[in-house]
Amino acid sequence: MEKYAYIVLNFEKFWKRLCNQNRAGKSAHAFVRRGVMGPKKAKQLFFYVTHPHKEIKGYADFVERVSGNAKDLWESLGHESLLNSYDEYNSFLQ
């Protein structure tokens, strides 16, 4: 049986937001990728915090990859993201 995993590079500020959301009881998250395509199939996501830790800090179950129009994606999944507003989302994508 093949096993699939994907490493998500993450800035410390987004890692901290994820941890805060988990502590608040939020268990589903949407991750926004720019440029590099995320996985189509995976079982686990590993979160590598790039600076200053430079190590894998956690993991999550992979559910699905969704792609499409940025505005439509924000309206349907923005509440699950680590970004605080549509403006921050647009800035991140630029």
PDB file of N, CA and C in Angstrom:
ATOM      1  N   MET A   1       0.843  -1.176   0.000  1.00  0.00           N
ATOM      2  CA  MET A   1       0.000   0.000   0.000  1.00  0.00           C
ATOM      3  C   MET A   1       0.898   1.252   0.000  1.00  0.00           C
ATOM      4  N   GLU A   2       0.652   2.152  -0.951  1.00  0.00           N
ATOM      5  CA  GLU A   2       1.422   3.384  -1.015  1.00  0.00           C
ATOM      6  C   GLU A   2       0.919   4.377   0.011  1.00  0.00           C
ATOM      7  N   LYS A   3       1.846   5.162   0.550  1.00  0.00           N
ATOM      8  CA  LYS A   3       1.482   6.215   1.497  1.00  0.00           C
ATOM      9  C   LYS A   3       1.886   7.543   0.891  1.00  0.00           C
ATOM     10  N   TYR A   4       1.041   8.544   1.050  1.00  0.00           N
ATOM     11  CA  TYR A   4       1.292   9.850   0.488  1.00  0.00           C
ATOM     12  C   TYR A   4       1.323  10.891   1.598  1.00  0.00           C
ATOM     13  N   ALA A   5       2.276  11.804   1.507  1.00  0.00           N
ATOM     14  CA  ALA A   5       2.345  12.931   2.432  1.00  0.00           C
ATOM     15  C   ALA A   5       2.829  14.138   1.646  1.00  0.00           C
ATOM     16  N   TYR A   6       2.562  15.311   2.158  1.00  0.00           N
ATOM     17  CA  TYR A   6       2.948  16.547   1.505  1.00  0.00           C
ATOM     18  C   TYR A   6       3.431  17.511   2.575  1.00  0.00           C
ATOM     19  N   ILE A   7       4.530  18.188   2.313  1.00  0.00           N
ATOM     20  CA  ILE A   7       5.069  19.155   3.276  1.00  0.00           C
ATOM     21  C   ILE A   7       4.621  20.551   2.878  1.00  0.00           C
ATOM     22  N   VAL A   8       3.983  21.244   3.821  1.00  0.00           N
ATOM     23  CA  VAL A   8       3.534  22.615   3.621  1.00  0.00           C
ATOM     24  C   VAL A   8       4.550  23.537   4.276  1.00  0.00           C
ATOM     25  N   LEU A   9       5.155  24.419   3.474  1.00  0.00           N
ATOM     26  CA  LEU A   9       6.063  25.412   4.039  1.00  0.00           C
ATOM     27  C   LEU A   9       5.206  26.503   4.657  1.00  0.00           C
ATOM     28  N   ASN A  10       5.543  26.905   5.868  1.00  0.00           N
ATOM     29  CA  ASN A  10       4.698  27.830   6.600  1.00  0.00           C
ATOM     30  C   ASN A  10       5.552  28.860   7.324  1.00  0.00           C
ATOM     31  N   PHE A  11       5.119  30.113   7.290  1.00  0.00           N
ATOM     32  CA  PHE A  11       5.758  31.142   8.090  1.00  0.00           C
ATOM     33  C   PHE A  11       5.296  31.000   9.529  1.00  0.00           C
ATOM     34  N   GLU A  12       6.121  31.420  10.462  1.00  0.00           N
ATOM     35  CA  GLU A  12       5.793  31.278  11.870  1.00  0.00           C
ATOM     36  C   GLU A  12       4.477  31.965  12.222  1.00  0.00           C
ATOM     37  N   LYS A  13       4.196  33.155  11.641  1.00  0.00           N
ATOM     38  CA  LYS A  13       2.952  33.856  11.994  1.00  0.00           C
ATOM     39  C   LYS A  13       1.727  33.034  11.603  1.00  0.00           C
ATOM     40  N   PHE A  14       1.787  32.324  10.471  1.00  0.00           N
ATOM     41  CA  PHE A  14       0.649  31.497  10.071  1.00  0.00           C
ATOM     42  C   PHE A  14       0.569  30.237  10.921  1.00  0.00           C
ATOM     43  N   TRP A  15       1.708  29.697  11.317  1.00  0.00           N
ATOM     44  CA  TRP A  15       1.717  28.541  12.206  1.00  0.00           C
ATOM     45  C   TRP A  15       1.056  28.908  13.541  1.00  0.00           C
ATOM     46  N   LYS A  16       1.380  30.084  14.065  1.00  0.00           N
ATOM     47  CA  LYS A  16       0.788  30.537  15.326  1.00  0.00           C
ATOM     48  C   LYS A  16      -0.720  30.726  15.192  1.00  0.00           C
ATOM     49  N   ARG A  17      -1.171  31.261  14.043  1.00  0.00           N
ATOM     50  CA  ARG A  17      -2.609  31.418  13.813  1.00  0.00           C
ATOM     51  C   ARG A  17      -3.297  30.052  13.800  1.00  0.00           C
ATOM     52  N   LEU A  18      -2.673  29.082  13.135  1.00  0.00           N
ATOM     53  CA  LEU A  18      -3.231  27.733  13.085  1.00  0.00           C
ATOM     54  C   LEU A  18      -3.346  27.146  14.489  1.00  0.00           C
ATOM     55  N   CYS A  19      -2.311  27.295  15.278  1.00  0.00           N
ATOM     56  CA  CYS A  19      -2.336  26.776  16.648  1.00  0.00           C
ATOM     57  C   CYS A  19      -3.424  27.464  17.471  1.00  0.00           C
ATOM     58  N   ASN A  20      -3.576  28.773  17.316  1.00  0.00           N
ATOM     59  CA  ASN A  20      -4.616  29.505  18.042  1.00  0.00           C
ATOM     60  C   ASN A  20      -6.008  29.040  17.634  1.00  0.00           C
ATOM     61  N   GLN A  21      -6.216  28.806  16.341  1.00  0.00           N
ATOM     62  CA  GLN A  21      -7.514  28.326  15.872  1.00  0.00           C
ATOM     63  C   GLN A  21      -7.799  26.923  16.402  1.00  0.00           C
ATOM     64  N   ASN A  22      -6.788  26.088  16.449  1.00  0.00           N
ATOM     65  CA  ASN A  22      -6.982  24.743  16.997  1.00  0.00           C
ATOM     66  C   ASN A  22      -7.348  24.806  18.472  1.00  0.00           C
ATOM     67  N   ARG A  23      -6.674  25.672  19.231  1.00  0.00           N
ATOM     68  CA  ARG A  23      -6.991  25.825  20.657  1.00  0.00           C
ATOM     69  C   ARG A  23      -8.414  26.327  20.863  1.00  0.00           C
ATOM     70  N   ALA A  24      -8.913  27.117  19.904  1.00  0.00           N
ATOM     71  CA  ALA A  24     -10.272  27.659  19.988  1.00  0.00           C
ATOM     72  C   ALA A  24     -11.322  26.651  19.530  1.00  0.00           C
ATOM     73  N   GLY A  25     -10.883  25.445  19.127  1.00  0.00           N
ATOM     74  CA  GLY A  25     -11.819  24.389  18.737  1.00  0.00           C
ATOM     75  C   GLY A  25     -12.105  24.286  17.258  1.00  0.00           C
ATOM     76  N   LYS A  26     -11.460  25.085  16.444  1.00  0.00           N
ATOM     77  CA  LYS A  26     -11.667  25.017  14.997  1.00  0.00           C
ATOM     78  C   LYS A  26     -10.838  23.874  14.435  1.00  0.00           C
ATOM     79  N   SER A  27     -11.484  22.895  13.807  1.00  0.00           N
ATOM     80  CA  SER A  27     -10.750  21.704  13.380  1.00  0.00           C
ATOM     81  C   SER A  27     -10.567  21.589  11.869  1.00  0.00           C
ATOM     82  N   ALA A  28     -11.295  22.373  11.067  1.00  0.00           N
ATOM     83  CA  ALA A  28     -11.147  22.319   9.611  1.00  0.00           C
ATOM     84  C   ALA A  28     -10.486  23.599   9.134  1.00  0.00           C
ATOM     85  N   HIS A  29      -9.487  23.466   8.261  1.00  0.00           N
ATOM     86  CA  HIS A  29      -8.749  24.613   7.775  1.00  0.00           C
ATOM     87  C   HIS A  29      -8.551  24.514   6.272  1.00  0.00           C
ATOM     88  N   ALA A  30      -8.632  25.654   5.599  1.00  0.00           N
ATOM     89  CA  ALA A  30      -8.307  25.733   4.178  1.00  0.00           C
ATOM     90  C   ALA A  30      -6.963  26.433   4.060  1.00  0.00           C
ATOM     91  N   PHE A  31      -6.044  25.861   3.309  1.00  0.00           N
ATOM     92  CA  PHE A  31      -4.727  26.443   3.129  1.00  0.00           C
ATOM     93  C   PHE A  31      -4.623  27.019   1.744  1.00  0.00           C
ATOM     94  N   VAL A  32      -4.138  28.238   1.661  1.00  0.00           N
ATOM     95  CA  VAL A  32      -4.024  28.946   0.397  1.00  0.00           C
ATOM     96  C   VAL A  32      -2.609  28.771  -0.122  1.00  0.00           C
ATOM     97  N   ARG A  33      -2.516  28.342  -1.360  1.00  0.00           N
ATOM     98  CA  ARG A  33      -1.210  28.173  -2.005  1.00  0.00           C
ATOM     99  C   ARG A  33      -1.128  29.163  -3.152  1.00  0.00           C
ATOM    100  N   ARG A  34       0.046  29.689  -3.376  1.00  0.00           N
ATOM    101  CA  ARG A  34       0.257  30.511  -4.562  1.00  0.00           C
ATOM    102  C   ARG A  34       1.438  29.919  -5.311  1.00  0.00           C
ATOM    103  N   GLY A  35       1.385  30.027  -6.628  1.00  0.00           N
ATOM    104  CA  GLY A  35       2.499  29.537  -7.437  1.00  0.00           C
ATOM    105  C   GLY A  35       2.540  28.021  -7.527  1.00  0.00           C
ATOM    106  N   VAL A  36       3.122  27.373  -6.540  1.00  0.00           N
ATOM    107  CA  VAL A  36       3.314  25.926  -6.560  1.00  0.00           C
ATOM    108  C   VAL A  36       1.993  25.217  -6.297  1.00  0.00           C
ATOM    109  N   MET A  37       1.675  24.247  -7.145  1.00  0.00           N
ATOM    110  CA  MET A  37       0.442  23.481  -6.955  1.00  0.00           C
ATOM    111  C   MET A  37       0.562  22.555  -5.754  1.00  0.00           C
ATOM    112  N   GLY A  38      -0.488  22.478  -4.994  1.00  0.00           N
ATOM    113  CA  GLY A  38      -0.539  21.543  -3.876  1.00  0.00           C
ATOM    114  C   GLY A  38      -0.832  20.139  -4.369  1.00  0.00           C
ATOM    115  N   PRO A  39      -0.905  19.196  -3.459  1.00  0.00           N
ATOM    116  CA  PRO A  39      -1.117  17.799  -3.859  1.00  0.00           C
ATOM    117  C   PRO A  39      -2.533  17.547  -4.350  1.00  0.00           C
ATOM    118  N   LYS A  40      -2.681  16.599  -5.254  1.00  0.00           N
ATOM    119  CA  LYS A  40      -4.016  16.140  -5.652  1.00  0.00           C
ATOM    120  C   LYS A  40      -4.469  15.047  -4.697  1.00  0.00           C
ATOM    121  N   LYS A  41      -3.520  14.205  -4.298  1.00  0.00           N
ATOM    122  CA  LYS A  41      -3.810  13.118  -3.366  1.00  0.00           C
ATOM    123  C   LYS A  41      -2.761  13.142  -2.271  1.00  0.00           C
ATOM    124  N   ALA A  42      -3.188  13.005  -1.068  1.00  0.00           N
ATOM    125  CA  ALA A  42      -2.283  12.894   0.080  1.00  0.00           C
ATOM    126  C   ALA A  42      -3.096  12.338   1.230  1.00  0.00           C
ATOM    127  N   LYS A  43      -2.436  11.794   2.190  1.00  0.00           N
ATOM    128  CA  LYS A  43      -3.106  11.340   3.398  1.00  0.00           C
ATOM    129  C   LYS A  43      -2.799  12.278   4.558  1.00  0.00           C
ATOM    130  N   GLN A  44      -1.580  12.790   4.570  1.00  0.00           N
ATOM    131  CA  GLN A  44      -1.142  13.667   5.651  1.00  0.00           C
ATOM    132  C   GLN A  44      -0.474  14.912   5.082  1.00  0.00           C
ATOM    133  N   LEU A  45      -0.600  16.017   5.808  1.00  0.00           N
ATOM    134  CA  LEU A  45       0.149  17.234   5.535  1.00  0.00           C
ATOM    135  C   LEU A  45       1.102  17.440   6.701  1.00  0.00           C
ATOM    136  N   PHE A  46       2.333  17.767   6.407  1.00  0.00           N
ATOM    137  CA  PHE A  46       3.306  18.094   7.443  1.00  0.00           C
ATOM    138  C   PHE A  46       3.639  19.573   7.307  1.00  0.00           C
ATOM    139  N   PHE A  47       3.654  20.275   8.426  1.00  0.00           N
ATOM    140  CA  PHE A  47       3.889  21.716   8.421  1.00  0.00           C
ATOM    141  C   PHE A  47       5.322  22.018   8.844  1.00  0.00           C
ATOM    142  N   TYR A  48       6.082  22.522   7.892  1.00  0.00           N
ATOM    143  CA  TYR A  48       7.474  22.888   8.122  1.00  0.00           C
ATOM    144  C   TYR A  48       7.518  24.394   8.308  1.00  0.00           C
ATOM    145  N   VAL A  49       7.851  24.845   9.519  1.00  0.00           N
ATOM    146  CA  VAL A  49       7.965  26.271   9.797  1.00  0.00           C
ATOM    147  C   VAL A  49       9.363  26.708   9.383  1.00  0.00           C
ATOM    148  N   THR A  50       9.399  27.636   8.418  1.00  0.00           N
ATOM    149  CA  THR A  50      10.656  27.973   7.761  1.00  0.00           C
ATOM    150  C   THR A  50      11.601  28.800   8.622  1.00  0.00           C
ATOM    151  N   HIS A  51      11.067  29.752   9.354  1.00  0.00           N
ATOM    152  CA  HIS A  51      11.938  30.637  10.123  1.00  0.00           C
ATOM    153  C   HIS A  51      11.236  31.052  11.404  1.00  0.00           C
ATOM    154  N   PRO A  52      11.814  31.028  12.520  1.00  0.00           N
ATOM    155  CA  PRO A  52      13.210  30.707  12.806  1.00  0.00           C
ATOM    156  C   PRO A  52      13.426  29.227  13.128  1.00  0.00           C
ATOM    157  N   HIS A  53      12.362  28.439  13.193  1.00  0.00           N
ATOM    158  CA  HIS A  53      12.463  27.051  13.673  1.00  0.00           C
ATOM    159  C   HIS A  53      13.169  26.109  12.713  1.00  0.00           C
ATOM    160  N   LYS A  54      12.832  26.202  11.429  1.00  0.00           N
ATOM    161  CA  LYS A  54      13.386  25.313  10.408  1.00  0.00           C
ATOM    162  C   LYS A  54      13.199  23.843  10.774  1.00  0.00           C
ATOM    163  N   GLU A  55      11.935  23.530  11.096  1.00  0.00           N
ATOM    164  CA  GLU A  55      11.612  22.138  11.450  1.00  0.00           C
ATOM    165  C   GLU A  55      10.130  21.877  11.253  1.00  0.00           C
ATOM    166  N   ILE A  56       9.779  20.607  11.170  1.00  0.00           N
ATOM    167  CA  ILE A  56       8.381  20.219  11.094  1.00  0.00           C
ATOM    168  C   ILE A  56       7.771  20.420  12.474  1.00  0.00           C
ATOM    169  N   LYS A  57       6.700  21.224  12.521  1.00  0.00           N
ATOM    170  CA  LYS A  57       6.081  21.567  13.796  1.00  0.00           C
ATOM    171  C   LYS A  57       4.754  20.843  14.024  1.00  0.00           C
ATOM    172  N   GLY A  58       4.164  20.258  12.988  1.00  0.00           N
ATOM    173  CA  GLY A  58       2.891  19.570  13.180  1.00  0.00           C
ATOM    174  C   GLY A  58       2.438  18.873  11.917  1.00  0.00           C
ATOM    175  N   TYR A  59       1.259  18.283  11.996  1.00  0.00           N
ATOM    176  CA  TYR A  59       0.705  17.552  10.858  1.00  0.00           C
ATOM    177  C   TYR A  59      -0.815  17.599  10.908  1.00  0.00           C
ATOM    178  N   ALA A  60      -1.444  17.253   9.786  1.00  0.00           N
ATOM    179  CA  ALA A  60      -2.908  17.230   9.698  1.00  0.00           C
ATOM    180  C   ALA A  60      -3.320  16.202   8.660  1.00  0.00           C
ATOM    181  N   ASP A  61      -4.555  15.781   8.719  1.00  0.00           N
ATOM    182  CA  ASP A  61      -5.122  14.907   7.689  1.00  0.00           C
ATOM    183  C   ASP A  61      -5.477  15.744   6.461  1.00  0.00           C
ATOM    184  N   PHE A  62      -5.153  15.247   5.285  1.00  0.00           N
ATOM    185  CA  PHE A  62      -5.494  15.909   4.030  1.00  0.00           C
ATOM    186  C   PHE A  62      -6.883  15.454   3.616  1.00  0.00           C
ATOM    187  N   VAL A  63      -7.753  16.412   3.275  1.00  0.00           N
ATOM    188  CA  VAL A  63      -9.114  16.069   2.866  1.00  0.00           C
ATOM    189  C   VAL A  63      -9.277  16.187   1.355  1.00  0.00           C
ATOM    190  N   GLU A  64      -8.989  17.364   0.798  1.00  0.00           N
ATOM    191  CA  GLU A  64      -9.133  17.547  -0.644  1.00  0.00           C
ATOM    192  C   GLU A  64      -8.397  18.800  -1.100  1.00  0.00           C
ATOM    193  N   ARG A  65      -8.099  18.836  -2.406  1.00  0.00           N
ATOM    194  CA  ARG A  65      -7.538  20.039  -3.023  1.00  0.00           C
ATOM    195  C   ARG A  65      -8.638  20.685  -3.843  1.00  0.00           C
ATOM    196  N   VAL A  66      -8.809  21.981  -3.657  1.00  0.00           N
ATOM    197  CA  VAL A  66      -9.825  22.733  -4.385  1.00  0.00           C
ATOM    198  C   VAL A  66      -9.125  23.864  -5.119  1.00  0.00           C
ATOM    199  N   SER A  67      -9.471  24.073  -6.379  1.00  0.00           N
ATOM    200  CA  SER A  67      -8.896  25.186  -7.132  1.00  0.00           C
ATOM    201  C   SER A  67     -10.022  25.889  -7.877  1.00  0.00           C
ATOM    202  N   GLY A  68      -9.755  27.118  -8.290  1.00  0.00           N
ATOM    203  CA  GLY A  68     -10.769  27.866  -9.027  1.00  0.00           C
ATOM    204  C   GLY A  68     -10.556  29.353  -8.913  1.00  0.00           C
ATOM    205  N   ASN A  69     -11.586  30.098  -9.193  1.00  0.00           N
ATOM    206  CA  ASN A  69     -11.574  31.545  -9.134  1.00  0.00           C
ATOM    207  C   ASN A  69     -11.300  32.013  -7.710  1.00  0.00           C
ATOM    208  N   ALA A  70     -10.333  32.934  -7.551  1.00  0.00           N
ATOM    209  CA  ALA A  70      -9.914  33.379  -6.220  1.00  0.00           C
ATOM    210  C   ALA A  70     -11.066  33.965  -5.411  1.00  0.00           C
ATOM    211  N   LYS A  71     -11.884  34.799  -6.011  1.00  0.00           N
ATOM    212  CA  LYS A  71     -12.997  35.424  -5.278  1.00  0.00           C
ATOM    213  C   LYS A  71     -14.000  34.370  -4.818  1.00  0.00           C
ATOM    214  N   ASP A  72     -14.340  33.435  -5.709  1.00  0.00           N
ATOM    215  CA  ASP A  72     -15.279  32.366  -5.350  1.00  0.00           C
ATOM    216  C   ASP A  72     -14.726  31.485  -4.231  1.00  0.00           C
ATOM    217  N   LEU A  73     -13.431  31.179  -4.312  1.00  0.00           N
ATOM    218  CA  LEU A  73     -12.817  30.355  -3.270  1.00  0.00           C
ATOM    219  C   LEU A  73     -12.820  31.072  -1.923  1.00  0.00           C
ATOM    220  N   TRP A  74     -12.524  32.375  -1.930  1.00  0.00           N
ATOM    221  CA  TRP A  74     -12.537  33.122  -0.669  1.00  0.00           C
ATOM    222  C   TRP A  74     -13.943  33.123  -0.069  1.00  0.00           C
ATOM    223  N   GLU A  75     -14.951  33.349  -0.909  1.00  0.00           N
ATOM    224  CA  GLU A  75     -16.328  33.405  -0.407  1.00  0.00           C
ATOM    225  C   GLU A  75     -16.778  32.068   0.166  1.00  0.00           C
ATOM    226  N   SER A  76     -16.336  30.969  -0.411  1.00  0.00           N
ATOM    227  CA  SER A  76     -16.789  29.661   0.075  1.00  0.00           C
ATOM    228  C   SER A  76     -15.890  29.076   1.163  1.00  0.00           C
ATOM    229  N   LEU A  77     -14.577  29.373   1.144  1.00  0.00           N
ATOM    230  CA  LEU A  77     -13.661  28.726   2.083  1.00  0.00           C
ATOM    231  C   LEU A  77     -12.831  29.693   2.923  1.00  0.00           C
ATOM    232  N   GLY A  78     -12.976  30.975   2.701  1.00  0.00           N
ATOM    233  CA  GLY A  78     -12.175  31.958   3.413  1.00  0.00           C
ATOM    234  C   GLY A  78     -12.285  31.844   4.920  1.00  0.00           C
ATOM    235  N   HIS A  79     -13.461  31.489   5.413  1.00  0.00           N
ATOM    236  CA  HIS A  79     -13.659  31.354   6.868  1.00  0.00           C
ATOM    237  C   HIS A  79     -12.827  30.220   7.460  1.00  0.00           C
ATOM    238  N   GLU A  80     -12.346  29.300   6.625  1.00  0.00           N
ATOM    239  CA  GLU A  80     -11.511  28.195   7.095  1.00  0.00           C
ATOM    240  C   GLU A  80     -10.019  28.492   6.953  1.00  0.00           C
ATOM    241  N   SER A  81      -9.674  29.626   6.359  1.00  0.00           N
ATOM    242  CA  SER A  81      -8.265  29.905   6.106  1.00  0.00           C
ATOM    243  C   SER A  81      -7.605  30.572   7.306  1.00  0.00           C
ATOM    244  N   LEU A  82      -6.288  30.695   7.213  1.00  0.00           N
ATOM    245  CA  LEU A  82      -5.515  31.373   8.251  1.00  0.00           C
ATOM    246  C   LEU A  82      -5.386  32.859   7.965  1.00  0.00           C
ATOM    247  N   LEU A  83      -5.960  33.302   6.859  1.00  0.00           N
ATOM    248  CA  LEU A  83      -5.904  34.708   6.492  1.00  0.00           C
ATOM    249  C   LEU A  83      -7.109  35.420   7.104  1.00  0.00           C
ATOM    250  N   ASN A  84      -6.886  36.662   7.541  1.00  0.00           N
ATOM    251  CA  ASN A  84      -7.899  37.367   8.317  1.00  0.00           C
ATOM    252  C   ASN A  84      -8.943  38.115   7.503  1.00  0.00           C
ATOM    253  N   SER A  85      -8.653  38.397   6.231  1.00  0.00           N
ATOM    254  CA  SER A  85      -9.588  39.176   5.428  1.00  0.00           C
ATOM    255  C   SER A  85      -9.346  38.907   3.946  1.00  0.00           C
ATOM    256  N   TYR A  86     -10.314  39.346   3.132  1.00  0.00           N
ATOM    257  CA  TYR A  86     -10.158  39.207   1.689  1.00  0.00           C
ATOM    258  C   TYR A  86      -8.975  40.037   1.201  1.00  0.00           C
ATOM    259  N   ASP A  87      -8.737  41.192   1.820  1.00  0.00           N
ATOM    260  CA  ASP A  87      -7.581  42.028   1.449  1.00  0.00           C
ATOM    261  C   ASP A  87      -6.263  41.303   1.729  1.00  0.00           C
ATOM    262  N   GLU A  88      -6.170  40.647   2.884  1.00  0.00           N
ATOM    263  CA  GLU A  88      -4.954  39.898   3.205  1.00  0.00           C
ATOM    264  C   GLU A  88      -4.775  38.730   2.232  1.00  0.00           C
ATOM    265  N   TYR A  89      -5.867  38.077   1.879  1.00  0.00           N
ATOM    266  CA  TYR A  89      -5.865  36.983   0.912  1.00  0.00           C
ATOM    267  C   TYR A  89      -5.348  37.477  -0.444  1.00  0.00           C
ATOM    268  N   ASN A  90      -5.901  38.582  -0.940  1.00  0.00           N
ATOM    269  CA  ASN A  90      -5.458  39.143  -2.218  1.00  0.00           C
ATOM    270  C   ASN A  90      -3.998  39.537  -2.174  1.00  0.00           C
ATOM    271  N   SER A  91      -3.575  40.152  -1.091  1.00  0.00           N
ATOM    272  CA  SER A  91      -2.170  40.542  -0.926  1.00  0.00           C
ATOM    273  C   SER A  91      -1.259  39.327  -0.954  1.00  0.00           C
ATOM    274  N   PHE A  92      -1.672  38.251  -0.279  1.00  0.00           N
ATOM    275  CA  PHE A  92      -0.890  37.012  -0.259  1.00  0.00           C
ATOM    276  C   PHE A  92      -0.741  36.433  -1.656  1.00  0.00           C
ATOM    277  N   LEU A  93      -1.815  36.456  -2.436  1.00  0.00           N
ATOM    278  CA  LEU A  93      -1.785  35.890  -3.791  1.00  0.00           C
ATOM    279  C   LEU A  93      -0.929  36.708  -4.743  1.00  0.00           C
ATOM    280  N   GLN A  94      -0.750  37.991  -4.472  1.00  0.00           N
ATOM    281  CA  GLN A  94       0.064  38.845  -5.334  1.00  0.00           C
ATOM    282  C   GLN A  94       1.510  38.530  -5.119  1.00  0.00           C
TER     283      GLN A  94
END
